[in-house]
């Protein structure tokens, strides 16, 4: 059964390579809620701070 997507569902990103220079939690396979998308990076809100990992290090999860 497919998951139904609502208007209020937020997109998610998954790290495809480690980015521990930005934060120690950003390891390969880690998934986070996407706050906003820019031309070169994704903006995520994690533990009270906004981070902007590069798009080349992440991929957007499709529901």
C-alpha atoms as a PDB file:
ATOM      1  CA  UNK A   1       0.000   0.000   0.000  1.00  0.00           C
ATOM      2  CA  UNK A   2       1.393   3.412  -0.956  1.00  0.00           C
ATOM      3  CA  UNK A   3       1.746   6.173   1.596  1.00  0.00           C
ATOM      4  CA  UNK A   4      -0.681   9.011   0.982  1.00  0.00           C
ATOM      5  CA  UNK A   5       1.004  12.412   0.784  1.00  0.00           C
ATOM      6  CA  UNK A   6      -0.832  15.391   2.205  1.00  0.00           C
ATOM      7  CA  UNK A   7      -0.307  19.095   1.697  1.00  0.00           C
ATOM      8  CA  UNK A   8       1.353  19.315   5.120  1.00  0.00           C
ATOM      9  CA  UNK A   9       3.959  16.582   4.540  1.00  0.00           C
ATOM     10  CA  UNK A  10       7.482  17.959   4.342  1.00  0.00           C
ATOM     11  CA  UNK A  11      10.052  16.544   1.966  1.00  0.00           C
ATOM     12  CA  UNK A  12      13.068  14.724   3.387  1.00  0.00           C
ATOM     13  CA  UNK A  13      16.688  14.410   2.326  1.00  0.00           C
ATOM     14  CA  UNK A  14      19.121  11.516   2.729  1.00  0.00           C
ATOM     15  CA  UNK A  15      22.881  11.975   2.835  1.00  0.00           C
ATOM     16  CA  UNK A  16      24.638  10.000   0.105  1.00  0.00           C
ATOM     17  CA  UNK A  17      28.075  10.822   1.548  1.00  0.00           C
ATOM     18  CA  UNK A  18      29.370  11.947   4.942  1.00  0.00           C
ATOM     19  CA  UNK A  19      29.431  15.654   5.808  1.00  0.00           C
ATOM     20  CA  UNK A  20      30.730  15.500   9.374  1.00  0.00           C
ATOM     21  CA  UNK A  21      32.558  18.821   8.927  1.00  0.00           C
ATOM     22  CA  UNK A  22      29.146  20.485   8.954  1.00  0.00           C
ATOM     23  CA  UNK A  23      27.698  18.355  11.818  1.00  0.00           C
ATOM     24  CA  UNK A  24      28.607  14.985  13.309  1.00  0.00           C
ATOM     25  CA  UNK A  25      25.083  13.609  12.659  1.00  0.00           C
ATOM     26  CA  UNK A  26      25.353  14.122   8.882  1.00  0.00           C
ATOM     27  CA  UNK A  27      26.594  10.673   7.895  1.00  0.00           C
ATOM     28  CA  UNK A  28      25.827   8.534   4.861  1.00  0.00           C
ATOM     29  CA  UNK A  29      22.247   7.229   5.040  1.00  0.00           C
ATOM     30  CA  UNK A  30      21.054   9.748   7.657  1.00  0.00           C
ATOM     31  CA  UNK A  31      17.636  11.234   6.862  1.00  0.00           C
ATOM     32  CA  UNK A  32      16.421  14.724   7.791  1.00  0.00           C
ATOM     33  CA  UNK A  33      13.383  16.910   7.131  1.00  0.00           C
ATOM     34  CA  UNK A  34      13.906  19.465   4.365  1.00  0.00           C
ATOM     35  CA  UNK A  35      13.134  23.051   5.358  1.00  0.00           C
ATOM     36  CA  UNK A  36      13.896  24.830   2.078  1.00  0.00           C
ATOM     37  CA  UNK A  37      15.696  24.253  -1.212  1.00  0.00           C
ATOM     38  CA  UNK A  38      18.156  26.668  -2.819  1.00  0.00           C
ATOM     39  CA  UNK A  39      20.046  26.489  -6.103  1.00  0.00           C
ATOM     40  CA  UNK A  40      23.213  24.855  -4.701  1.00  0.00           C
ATOM     41  CA  UNK A  41      22.094  23.391  -1.373  1.00  0.00           C
ATOM     42  CA  UNK A  42      19.273  22.150   0.825  1.00  0.00           C
ATOM     43  CA  UNK A  43      18.378  23.953   4.055  1.00  0.00           C
ATOM     44  CA  UNK A  44      17.558  21.673   6.985  1.00  0.00           C
ATOM     45  CA  UNK A  45      16.704  22.493  10.600  1.00  0.00           C
ATOM     46  CA  UNK A  46      18.489  20.165  13.018  1.00  0.00           C
ATOM     47  CA  UNK A  47      18.760  20.552  16.807  1.00  0.00           C
ATOM     48  CA  UNK A  48      17.832  24.236  16.783  1.00  0.00           C
ATOM     49  CA  UNK A  49      20.209  25.263  13.981  1.00  0.00           C
ATOM     50  CA  UNK A  50      19.753  25.715  10.230  1.00  0.00           C
ATOM     51  CA  UNK A  51      22.295  23.890   8.044  1.00  0.00           C
ATOM     52  CA  UNK A  52      22.880  24.059   4.296  1.00  0.00           C
ATOM     53  CA  UNK A  53      24.496  20.878   2.991  1.00  0.00           C
ATOM     54  CA  UNK A  54      25.353  20.837  -0.712  1.00  0.00           C
ATOM     55  CA  UNK A  55      22.976  19.066  -3.090  1.00  0.00           C
ATOM     56  CA  UNK A  56      25.857  16.903  -4.292  1.00  0.00           C
ATOM     57  CA  UNK A  57      26.062  15.342  -0.811  1.00  0.00           C
ATOM     58  CA  UNK A  58      22.325  14.639  -0.435  1.00  0.00           C
ATOM     59  CA  UNK A  59      19.322  13.483  -2.387  1.00  0.00           C
ATOM     60  CA  UNK A  60      15.673  14.352  -1.945  1.00  0.00           C
ATOM     61  CA  UNK A  61      13.454  11.477  -0.834  1.00  0.00           C
ATOM     62  CA  UNK A  62      10.389  10.996  -3.020  1.00  0.00           C
ATOM     63  CA  UNK A  63       7.259   9.808  -1.220  1.00  0.00           C
END
